[in-house]
Amino acid sequence: MKTYWDGVKLPYLRLPGLSEIKKGDVVVFNKPEEVDKPIDVRTLLIKRCQATPGDKLTIVNGQVFTNGKPNPNAEKAQTSYEVITDGRDINPDIFHDLHIEIRQQMDANVFEMIIPQENLATLKSYSNVKSIKPVYQPKGEFDLQVFPHNERFKWNEDNFGPLVLPKKGMTIALNDSTMILYKRAIEFYENNKIEQKGNAVFINGKPASSYTFKQNYYWMMGDNRHNFPGSVFKPTVSELPDFARSPLELLQAWIPLVAARIKAKKIIFFM
């Protein structure tokens, strides 16, 4: 149900961007599913740029790689760890002070916790902590919540890709695999009508065996990989007038950007 009235729409102006979005930048952007809503009522998401147009993105055991090189991890990045104690309780004040959250208790002395990377060493230093090891979804384990939400690509939030981010002017062959990965961007963000009839693909009513992208796309991810509301891999965003840079917390998927360094046109994938 609509919670706003859109009977009168006033024009608005965005200032031109001052610089390009780079890997590691924190970006504010509008939620992609809300592209049809007035811009002032769209939900804003905040994430870190992990890959830029034309990059090949891969995630291996939680580590993000672009073009085969590991991306620097944010100082305050958080993920899940299995913590085994000697059976003695840990003072709850320690969890509070170290910004640690207990996700679940698997046994009397075995816990899954969300731990900021910067506080790992401190927690390990306590005498009643026997071991701490990262918790990852194994490679090949299909996660329906993770883009592209199709079992042909057995990807999850810890083991993902490779995925090439579309770049303006980049041409792809249209086949079963590329349609799964890029159909939403071609149709939704690049304003085309796509039909599949058997093995044939039609774009705007014309047979097509390839497609050349009109916009650039970015991959956004949250620093709290396993514990952010809505922090799942989704499709991309496009070069829409929707970007704003801001040093806040983050998320992930494909989406249009909003900027403070405001960009006139850009597109994003977010996780």
C-alpha atoms as a PDB file:
ATOM      1  CA  MET A   1       0.000   0.000   0.000  1.00  0.00           C
ATOM      2  CA  LYS A   2       1.296   3.468  -0.901  1.00  0.00           C
ATOM      3  CA  THR A   3       2.305   5.624   2.037  1.00  0.00           C
ATOM      4  CA  TYR A   4       2.902   8.733  -0.059  1.00  0.00           C
ATOM      5  CA  TRP A   5       1.044  10.911  -2.583  1.00  0.00           C
ATOM      6  CA  ASP A   6       2.597  11.472  -5.991  1.00  0.00           C
ATOM      7  CA  GLY A   7      -0.044  13.684  -7.557  1.00  0.00           C
ATOM      8  CA  VAL A   8       2.339  16.650  -7.875  1.00  0.00           C
ATOM      9  CA  LYS A   9       5.995  16.152  -8.838  1.00  0.00           C
ATOM     10  CA  LEU A  10       8.466  19.002  -8.607  1.00  0.00           C
ATOM     11  CA  PRO A  11      11.734  18.995 -10.574  1.00  0.00           C
ATOM     12  CA  TYR A  12      15.043  18.786  -8.717  1.00  0.00           C
ATOM     13  CA  LEU A  13      18.654  19.448  -9.621  1.00  0.00           C
ATOM     14  CA  ARG A  14      21.788  17.495  -8.715  1.00  0.00           C
ATOM     15  CA  LEU A  15      25.212  19.070  -8.845  1.00  0.00           C
ATOM     16  CA  PRO A  16      27.806  17.442 -11.118  1.00  0.00           C
ATOM     17  CA  GLY A  17      30.207  14.933  -9.603  1.00  0.00           C
ATOM     18  CA  LEU A  18      33.641  16.055  -8.474  1.00  0.00           C
ATOM     19  CA  SER A  19      35.473  12.746  -8.856  1.00  0.00           C
ATOM     20  CA  GLU A  20      35.105   9.137  -9.917  1.00  0.00           C
ATOM     21  CA  ILE A  21      33.933   6.445  -7.506  1.00  0.00           C
ATOM     22  CA  LYS A  22      36.888   4.237  -6.560  1.00  0.00           C
ATOM     23  CA  LYS A  23      37.273   0.881  -4.848  1.00  0.00           C
ATOM     24  CA  GLY A  24      37.122   1.399  -1.102  1.00  0.00           C
ATOM     25  CA  ASP A  25      34.831   4.450  -1.294  1.00  0.00           C
ATOM     26  CA  VAL A  26      31.728   4.475   0.904  1.00  0.00           C
ATOM     27  CA  VAL A  27      28.689   5.266  -1.221  1.00  0.00           C
ATOM     28  CA  VAL A  28      25.087   6.174  -0.419  1.00  0.00           C
ATOM     29  CA  PHE A  29      22.522   5.093  -3.012  1.00  0.00           C
ATOM     30  CA  ASN A  30      18.826   4.480  -3.479  1.00  0.00           C
ATOM     31  CA  LYS A  31      17.386   0.995  -3.023  1.00  0.00           C
ATOM     32  CA  PRO A  32      17.108  -0.447  -6.551  1.00  0.00           C
ATOM     33  CA  GLU A  33      13.689  -2.022  -6.088  1.00  0.00           C
ATOM     34  CA  GLU A  34      12.281   1.461  -5.431  1.00  0.00           C
ATOM     35  CA  VAL A  35      13.301   3.063  -8.717  1.00  0.00           C
ATOM     36  CA  ASP A  36       9.645   3.840  -9.517  1.00  0.00           C
ATOM     37  CA  LYS A  37       9.120   5.788  -6.269  1.00  0.00           C
ATOM     38  CA  PRO A  38       9.654   9.560  -5.963  1.00  0.00           C
ATOM     39  CA  ILE A  39      13.296  10.151  -5.097  1.00  0.00           C
ATOM     40  CA  ASP A  40      12.541  11.754  -1.715  1.00  0.00           C
ATOM     41  CA  VAL A  41      10.799   8.624  -0.367  1.00  0.00           C
ATOM     42  CA  ARG A  42      13.283   6.000  -1.582  1.00  0.00           C
ATOM     43  CA  THR A  43      15.265   4.037   0.977  1.00  0.00           C
ATOM     44  CA  LEU A  44      18.934   5.002   1.171  1.00  0.00           C
ATOM     45  CA  LEU A  45      21.545   2.254   1.448  1.00  0.00           C
ATOM     46  CA  ILE A  46      25.178   2.791   2.427  1.00  0.00           C
ATOM     47  CA  LYS A  47      27.935   0.400   1.299  1.00  0.00           C
ATOM     48  CA  ARG A  48      31.571   0.192   0.312  1.00  0.00           C
ATOM     49  CA  CYS A  49      32.567  -0.010  -3.345  1.00  0.00           C
ATOM     50  CA  GLN A  50      34.451  -3.270  -3.906  1.00  0.00           C
ATOM     51  CA  ALA A  51      34.583  -3.376  -7.714  1.00  0.00           C
ATOM     52  CA  THR A  52      34.277  -0.861 -10.549  1.00  0.00           C
ATOM     53  CA  PRO A  53      33.153  -1.165 -14.195  1.00  0.00           C
ATOM     54  CA  GLY A  54      34.939  -3.931 -16.099  1.00  0.00           C
ATOM     55  CA  ASP A  55      36.387  -5.565 -12.971  1.00  0.00           C
ATOM     56  CA  LYS A  56      36.200  -9.315 -12.447  1.00  0.00           C
ATOM     57  CA  LEU A  57      34.859  -9.899  -8.925  1.00  0.00           C
ATOM     58  CA  THR A  58      35.459 -13.071  -6.908  1.00  0.00           C
ATOM     59  CA  ILE A  59      34.951 -13.887  -3.235  1.00  0.00           C
ATOM     60  CA  VAL A  60      36.923 -16.787  -1.742  1.00  0.00           C
ATOM     61  CA  ASN A  61      36.259 -17.754   1.884  1.00  0.00           C
ATOM     62  CA  GLY A  62      35.020 -14.242   2.627  1.00  0.00           C
ATOM     63  CA  GLN A  63      37.977 -12.451   0.997  1.00  0.00           C
ATOM     64  CA  VAL A  64      37.027 -10.174  -1.903  1.00  0.00           C
ATOM     65  CA  PHE A  65      39.254 -10.245  -4.998  1.00  0.00           C
ATOM     66  CA  THR A  66      39.121  -7.989  -8.042  1.00  0.00           C
ATOM     67  CA  ASN A  67      41.035  -9.016 -11.138  1.00  0.00           C
ATOM     68  CA  GLY A  68      42.784 -11.709  -9.102  1.00  0.00           C
ATOM     69  CA  LYS A  69      44.112  -9.365  -6.396  1.00  0.00           C
ATOM     70  CA  PRO A  70      42.766  -9.298  -2.807  1.00  0.00           C
ATOM     71  CA  ASN A  71      40.944  -6.117  -1.801  1.00  0.00           C
ATOM     72  CA  PRO A  72      42.013  -4.467   1.468  1.00  0.00           C
ATOM     73  CA  ASN A  73      39.607  -5.337   4.281  1.00  0.00           C
ATOM     74  CA  ALA A  74      38.009  -2.461   6.170  1.00  0.00           C
ATOM     75  CA  GLU A  75      39.535  -1.936   9.620  1.00  0.00           C
ATOM     76  CA  LYS A  76      36.166  -2.359  11.322  1.00  0.00           C
ATOM     77  CA  ALA A  77      34.918  -5.174   9.081  1.00  0.00           C
ATOM     78  CA  GLN A  78      32.885  -7.830  10.873  1.00  0.00           C
ATOM     79  CA  THR A  79      32.089 -11.444  10.087  1.00  0.00           C
ATOM     80  CA  SER A  80      31.135 -14.689  11.829  1.00  0.00           C
ATOM     81  CA  TYR A  81      33.507 -16.748  13.962  1.00  0.00           C
ATOM     82  CA  GLU A  82      33.235 -20.008  15.856  1.00  0.00           C
ATOM     83  CA  VAL A  83      34.472 -19.392  19.402  1.00  0.00           C
ATOM     84  CA  ILE A  84      35.314 -22.319  21.679  1.00  0.00           C
ATOM     85  CA  THR A  85      35.836 -21.651  25.385  1.00  0.00           C
ATOM     86  CA  ASP A  86      37.093 -23.862  28.204  1.00  0.00           C
ATOM     87  CA  GLY A  87      33.598 -23.878  29.699  1.00  0.00           C
ATOM     88  CA  ARG A  88      34.021 -20.834  31.913  1.00  0.00           C
ATOM     89  CA  ASP A  89      31.681 -17.932  31.204  1.00  0.00           C
ATOM     90  CA  ILE A  90      32.953 -14.783  29.535  1.00  0.00           C
ATOM     91  CA  ASN A  91      31.988 -11.548  31.262  1.00  0.00           C
ATOM     92  CA  PRO A  92      29.116  -9.982  29.221  1.00  0.00           C
ATOM     93  CA  ASP A  93      30.796  -6.588  29.630  1.00  0.00           C
ATOM     94  CA  ILE A  94      33.619  -7.876  27.429  1.00  0.00           C
ATOM     95  CA  PHE A  95      31.186  -8.523  24.575  1.00  0.00           C
ATOM     96  CA  HIS A  96      29.711  -5.062  25.026  1.00  0.00           C
ATOM     97  CA  ASP A  97      33.083  -3.316  25.115  1.00  0.00           C
ATOM     98  CA  LEU A  98      34.373  -5.223  22.070  1.00  0.00           C
ATOM     99  CA  HIS A  99      31.112  -4.822  20.087  1.00  0.00           C
ATOM    100  CA  ILE A 100      30.693  -8.591  19.827  1.00  0.00           C
ATOM    101  CA  GLU A 101      27.324 -10.228  19.191  1.00  0.00           C
ATOM    102  CA  ILE A 102      26.539 -13.878  19.975  1.00  0.00           C
ATOM    103  CA  ARG A 103      24.538 -15.247  17.019  1.00  0.00           C
ATOM    104  CA  GLN A 104      23.978 -18.722  18.420  1.00  0.00           C
ATOM    105  CA  GLN A 105      25.252 -21.263  20.938  1.00  0.00           C
ATOM    106  CA  MET A 106      25.940 -24.659  19.340  1.00  0.00           C
ATOM    107  CA  ASP A 107      27.179 -26.435  22.479  1.00  0.00           C
ATOM    108  CA  ALA A 108      27.932 -25.682  26.119  1.00  0.00           C
ATOM    109  CA  ASN A 109      31.251 -24.085  25.167  1.00  0.00           C
ATOM    110  CA  VAL A 110      30.841 -23.470  21.404  1.00  0.00           C
ATOM    111  CA  PHE A 111      29.420 -20.206  20.048  1.00  0.00           C
ATOM    112  CA  GLU A 112      29.001 -18.408  16.746  1.00  0.00           C
ATOM    113  CA  MET A 113      29.794 -14.718  17.183  1.00  0.00           C
ATOM    114  CA  ILE A 114      29.962 -11.591  15.041  1.00  0.00           C
ATOM    115  CA  ILE A 115      33.337 -10.049  15.873  1.00  0.00           C
ATOM    116  CA  PRO A 116      34.916  -6.836  14.515  1.00  0.00           C
ATOM    117  CA  GLN A 117      38.258  -7.692  12.939  1.00  0.00           C
ATOM    118  CA  GLU A 118      40.040  -5.095  15.061  1.00  0.00           C
ATOM    119  CA  ASN A 119      38.922  -6.847  18.289  1.00  0.00           C
ATOM    120  CA  LEU A 120      39.857 -10.433  17.399  1.00  0.00           C
ATOM    121  CA  ALA A 121      43.257 -10.328  19.074  1.00  0.00           C
ATOM    122  CA  THR A 122      41.787  -8.912  22.294  1.00  0.00           C
ATOM    123  CA  LEU A 123      39.179 -11.676  22.553  1.00  0.00           C
ATOM    124  CA  LYS A 124      41.823 -14.331  21.824  1.00  0.00           C
ATOM    125  CA  SER A 125      43.915 -13.007  24.713  1.00  0.00           C
ATOM    126  CA  TYR A 126      41.403 -14.120  27.384  1.00  0.00           C
ATOM    127  CA  SER A 127      42.447 -17.320  29.155  1.00  0.00           C
ATOM    128  CA  ASN A 128      39.037 -18.986  28.867  1.00  0.00           C
ATOM    129  CA  VAL A 129      38.975 -18.630  25.048  1.00  0.00           C
ATOM    130  CA  LYS A 130      40.510 -21.774  23.531  1.00  0.00           C
ATOM    131  CA  SER A 131      40.088 -21.047  19.820  1.00  0.00           C
ATOM    132  CA  ILE A 132      38.520 -18.657  17.307  1.00  0.00           C
ATOM    133  CA  LYS A 133      38.084 -19.546  13.646  1.00  0.00           C
ATOM    134  CA  PRO A 134      36.105 -17.926  10.806  1.00  0.00           C
ATOM    135  CA  VAL A 135      32.765 -19.414   9.767  1.00  0.00           C
ATOM    136  CA  TYR A 136      32.301 -19.629   5.991  1.00  0.00           C
ATOM    137  CA  GLN A 137      29.695 -21.093   3.706  1.00  0.00           C
ATOM    138  CA  PRO A 138      31.644 -23.708   1.725  1.00  0.00           C
ATOM    139  CA  LYS A 139      32.358 -23.293  -1.972  1.00  0.00           C
ATOM    140  CA  GLY A 140      29.613 -24.838  -4.102  1.00  0.00           C
ATOM    141  CA  GLU A 141      26.890 -24.465  -1.464  1.00  0.00           C
ATOM    142  CA  PHE A 142      23.985 -22.745  -3.210  1.00  0.00           C
ATOM    143  CA  ASP A 143      22.359 -19.848  -1.348  1.00  0.00           C
ATOM    144  CA  LEU A 144      19.071 -18.664  -2.880  1.00  0.00           C
ATOM    145  CA  GLN A 145      19.419 -15.250  -1.183  1.00  0.00           C
ATOM    146  CA  VAL A 146      22.626 -14.548  -3.075  1.00  0.00           C
ATOM    147  CA  PHE A 147      22.720 -13.044  -6.574  1.00  0.00           C
ATOM    148  CA  PRO A 148      21.903 -14.318  -9.175  1.00  0.00           C
ATOM    149  CA  HIS A 149      19.468 -16.482  -7.161  1.00  0.00           C
ATOM    150  CA  ASN A 150      19.838 -19.368  -9.616  1.00  0.00           C
ATOM    151  CA  GLU A 151      21.159 -22.858  -8.940  1.00  0.00           C
ATOM    152  CA  ARG A 152      23.231 -22.831 -12.116  1.00  0.00           C
ATOM    153  CA  PHE A 153      25.554 -20.511 -10.187  1.00  0.00           C
ATOM    154  CA  LYS A 154      26.227 -22.213  -6.858  1.00  0.00           C
ATOM    155  CA  TRP A 155      27.336 -19.016  -5.166  1.00  0.00           C
ATOM    156  CA  ASN A 156      27.007 -17.812  -1.593  1.00  0.00           C
ATOM    157  CA  GLU A 157      28.125 -14.774   0.413  1.00  0.00           C
ATOM    158  CA  ASP A 158      31.521 -16.301   1.248  1.00  0.00           C
ATOM    159  CA  ASN A 159      32.338 -17.996  -2.062  1.00  0.00           C
ATOM    160  CA  PHE A 160      31.086 -16.072  -5.065  1.00  0.00           C
ATOM    161  CA  GLY A 161      31.860 -15.484  -8.732  1.00  0.00           C
ATOM    162  CA  PRO A 162      33.704 -14.805 -10.899  1.00  0.00           C
ATOM    163  CA  LEU A 163      31.401 -12.028 -12.103  1.00  0.00           C
ATOM    164  CA  VAL A 164      32.464  -9.354 -14.599  1.00  0.00           C
ATOM    165  CA  LEU A 165      30.870  -5.984 -13.834  1.00  0.00           C
ATOM    166  CA  PRO A 166      29.365  -4.365 -16.936  1.00  0.00           C
ATOM    167  CA  LYS A 167      31.198  -1.381 -18.346  1.00  0.00           C
ATOM    168  CA  LYS A 168      29.839   1.180 -20.778  1.00  0.00           C
ATOM    169  CA  GLY A 169      30.612  -0.112 -24.281  1.00  0.00           C
ATOM    170  CA  MET A 170      31.237  -3.702 -23.105  1.00  0.00           C
ATOM    171  CA  THR A 171      29.553  -6.303 -25.339  1.00  0.00           C
ATOM    172  CA  ILE A 172      28.401  -9.715 -24.115  1.00  0.00           C
ATOM    173  CA  ALA A 173      27.022 -12.723 -25.985  1.00  0.00           C
ATOM    174  CA  LEU A 174      23.450 -13.514 -24.980  1.00  0.00           C
ATOM    175  CA  ASN A 175      23.082 -17.100 -23.798  1.00  0.00           C
ATOM    176  CA  ASP A 176      21.520 -18.985 -20.897  1.00  0.00           C
ATOM    177  CA  SER A 177      24.302 -18.020 -18.470  1.00  0.00           C
ATOM    178  CA  THR A 178      24.630 -14.338 -19.370  1.00  0.00           C
ATOM    179  CA  MET A 179      20.857 -13.908 -19.341  1.00  0.00           C
ATOM    180  CA  ILE A 180      20.773 -15.146 -15.745  1.00  0.00           C
ATOM    181  CA  LEU A 181      23.525 -12.720 -14.742  1.00  0.00           C
ATOM    182  CA  TYR A 182      22.674  -9.617 -16.751  1.00  0.00           C
ATOM    183  CA  LYS A 183      19.008  -9.728 -17.819  1.00  0.00           C
ATOM    184  CA  ARG A 184      17.861  -7.489 -14.959  1.00  0.00           C
ATOM    185  CA  ALA A 185      20.458  -4.847 -15.768  1.00  0.00           C
ATOM    186  CA  ILE A 186      19.657  -4.883 -19.486  1.00  0.00           C
ATOM    187  CA  GLU A 187      15.917  -4.757 -18.946  1.00  0.00           C
ATOM    188  CA  PHE A 188      15.447  -2.752 -15.773  1.00  0.00           C
ATOM    189  CA  TYR A 189      18.383  -0.343 -15.667  1.00  0.00           C
ATOM    190  CA  GLU A 190      18.966   0.085 -19.393  1.00  0.00           C
ATOM    191  CA  ASN A 191      15.256   0.359 -20.260  1.00  0.00           C
ATOM    192  CA  ASN A 192      14.852  -2.510 -22.702  1.00  0.00           C
ATOM    193  CA  LYS A 193      12.148  -5.115 -23.166  1.00  0.00           C
ATOM    194  CA  ILE A 194      13.579  -8.651 -23.278  1.00  0.00           C
ATOM    195  CA  GLU A 195      11.772 -11.769 -24.437  1.00  0.00           C
ATOM    196  CA  GLN A 196      13.107 -15.304 -24.597  1.00  0.00           C
ATOM    197  CA  LYS A 197      11.468 -17.698 -27.053  1.00  0.00           C
ATOM    198  CA  GLY A 198      13.195 -21.056 -26.868  1.00  0.00           C
ATOM    199  CA  ASN A 199      16.876 -20.373 -27.494  1.00  0.00           C
ATOM    200  CA  ALA A 200      16.170 -17.033 -29.175  1.00  0.00           C
ATOM    201  CA  VAL A 201      16.446 -13.671 -27.410  1.00  0.00           C
ATOM    202  CA  PHE A 202      14.551 -10.579 -28.531  1.00  0.00           C
ATOM    203  CA  ILE A 203      15.389  -7.070 -27.327  1.00  0.00           C
ATOM    204  CA  ASN A 204      12.699  -4.490 -28.021  1.00  0.00           C
ATOM    205  CA  GLY A 205      11.113  -6.910 -30.483  1.00  0.00           C
ATOM    206  CA  LYS A 206      14.290  -7.542 -32.508  1.00  0.00           C
ATOM    207  CA  PRO A 207      16.382 -10.756 -32.499  1.00  0.00           C
ATOM    208  CA  ALA A 208      19.607 -10.268 -30.538  1.00  0.00           C
ATOM    209  CA  SER A 209      22.648 -12.490 -30.063  1.00  0.00           C
ATOM    210  CA  SER A 210      24.674  -9.901 -28.140  1.00  0.00           C
ATOM    211  CA  TYR A 211      24.208  -6.752 -26.083  1.00  0.00           C
ATOM    212  CA  THR A 212      26.390  -3.671 -25.563  1.00  0.00           C
ATOM    213  CA  PHE A 213      25.977  -1.938 -22.200  1.00  0.00           C
ATOM    214  CA  LYS A 214      25.097   1.753 -22.114  1.00  0.00           C
ATOM    215  CA  GLN A 215      26.139   2.389 -18.510  1.00  0.00           C
ATOM    216  CA  ASN A 216      28.772   1.581 -15.907  1.00  0.00           C
ATOM    217  CA  TYR A 217      28.120  -0.732 -12.963  1.00  0.00           C
ATOM    218  CA  TYR A 218      29.639  -0.997  -9.475  1.00  0.00           C
ATOM    219  CA  TRP A 219      29.672  -3.675  -6.789  1.00  0.00           C
ATOM    220  CA  MET A 220      28.804  -2.562  -3.254  1.00  0.00           C
ATOM    221  CA  MET A 221      29.240  -4.613  -0.083  1.00  0.00           C
ATOM    222  CA  GLY A 222      28.655  -4.078   3.605  1.00  0.00           C
ATOM    223  CA  ASP A 223      31.471  -4.221   6.128  1.00  0.00           C
ATOM    224  CA  ASN A 224      29.309  -6.383   8.392  1.00  0.00           C
ATOM    225  CA  ARG A 225      29.125  -9.315   5.987  1.00  0.00           C
ATOM    226  CA  HIS A 226      26.994 -11.774   7.961  1.00  0.00           C
ATOM    227  CA  ASN A 227      24.844  -9.590  10.145  1.00  0.00           C
ATOM    228  CA  PHE A 228      23.427  -6.578   8.313  1.00  0.00           C
ATOM    229  CA  PRO A 229      19.654  -6.303   7.703  1.00  0.00           C
ATOM    230  CA  GLY A 230      19.030  -7.036   4.034  1.00  0.00           C
ATOM    231  CA  SER A 231      22.699  -7.814   3.590  1.00  0.00           C
ATOM    232  CA  VAL A 232      22.290 -10.339   0.808  1.00  0.00           C
ATOM    233  CA  PHE A 233      23.617 -10.388  -2.722  1.00  0.00           C
ATOM    234  CA  LYS A 234      21.179  -8.876  -5.179  1.00  0.00           C
ATOM    235  CA  PRO A 235      21.398  -7.602  -8.778  1.00  0.00           C
ATOM    236  CA  THR A 236      22.964  -4.326 -10.022  1.00  0.00           C
ATOM    237  CA  VAL A 237      22.217  -0.704 -10.279  1.00  0.00           C
ATOM    238  CA  SER A 238      22.764   1.599 -13.163  1.00  0.00           C
ATOM    239  CA  GLU A 239      24.042   5.040 -14.072  1.00  0.00           C
ATOM    240  CA  LEU A 240      21.000   6.775 -12.675  1.00  0.00           C
ATOM    241  CA  PRO A 241      21.214  10.167 -10.917  1.00  0.00           C
ATOM    242  CA  ASP A 242      21.308   8.498  -7.518  1.00  0.00           C
ATOM    243  CA  PHE A 243      24.756   8.744  -5.822  1.00  0.00           C
ATOM    244  CA  ALA A 244      26.134  10.216  -2.618  1.00  0.00           C
ATOM    245  CA  ARG A 245      29.418   9.519  -0.879  1.00  0.00           C
ATOM    246  CA  SER A 246      29.258   9.326   2.909  1.00  0.00           C
ATOM    247  CA  PRO A 247      31.506   7.841   5.631  1.00  0.00           C
ATOM    248  CA  LEU A 248      28.815   5.704   7.266  1.00  0.00           C
ATOM    249  CA  GLU A 249      27.999   1.987   7.614  1.00  0.00           C
ATOM    250  CA  LEU A 250      27.391  -0.275   4.665  1.00  0.00           C
ATOM    251  CA  LEU A 251      25.467  -2.975   2.635  1.00  0.00           C
ATOM    252  CA  GLN A 252      25.609  -4.863  -0.874  1.00  0.00           C
ATOM    253  CA  ALA A 253      24.027  -5.644  -4.776  1.00  0.00           C
ATOM    254  CA  TRP A 254      23.394  -3.973  -8.255  1.00  0.00           C
ATOM    255  CA  ILE A 255      21.897  -0.454  -7.802  1.00  0.00           C
ATOM    256  CA  PRO A 256      21.730   3.201  -9.031  1.00  0.00           C
ATOM    257  CA  LEU A 257      24.011   5.478  -6.977  1.00  0.00           C
ATOM    258  CA  VAL A 258      23.292   8.634  -4.993  1.00  0.00           C
ATOM    259  CA  ALA A 259      26.226  10.959  -4.305  1.00  0.00           C
ATOM    260  CA  ALA A 260      27.729  13.562  -2.025  1.00  0.00           C
ATOM    261  CA  ARG A 261      30.506  14.035  -4.344  1.00  0.00           C
ATOM    262  CA  ILE A 262      27.264  13.772  -6.262  1.00  0.00           C
ATOM    263  CA  LYS A 263      27.602  11.875  -9.545  1.00  0.00           C
ATOM    264  CA  ALA A 264      25.239  12.523 -12.411  1.00  0.00           C
ATOM    265  CA  LYS A 265      25.035   8.942 -13.640  1.00  0.00           C
ATOM    266  CA  LYS A 266      26.266   5.592 -12.319  1.00  0.00           C
ATOM    267  CA  ILE A 267      25.109   2.029 -11.616  1.00  0.00           C
ATOM    268  CA  ILE A 268      25.781  -0.425  -8.800  1.00  0.00           C
ATOM    269  CA  PHE A 269      25.759  -4.044  -7.814  1.00  0.00           C
ATOM    270  CA  PHE A 270      25.390  -4.450  -4.098  1.00  0.00           C
ATOM    271  CA  MET A 271      25.673  -7.253  -1.601  1.00  0.00           C
END
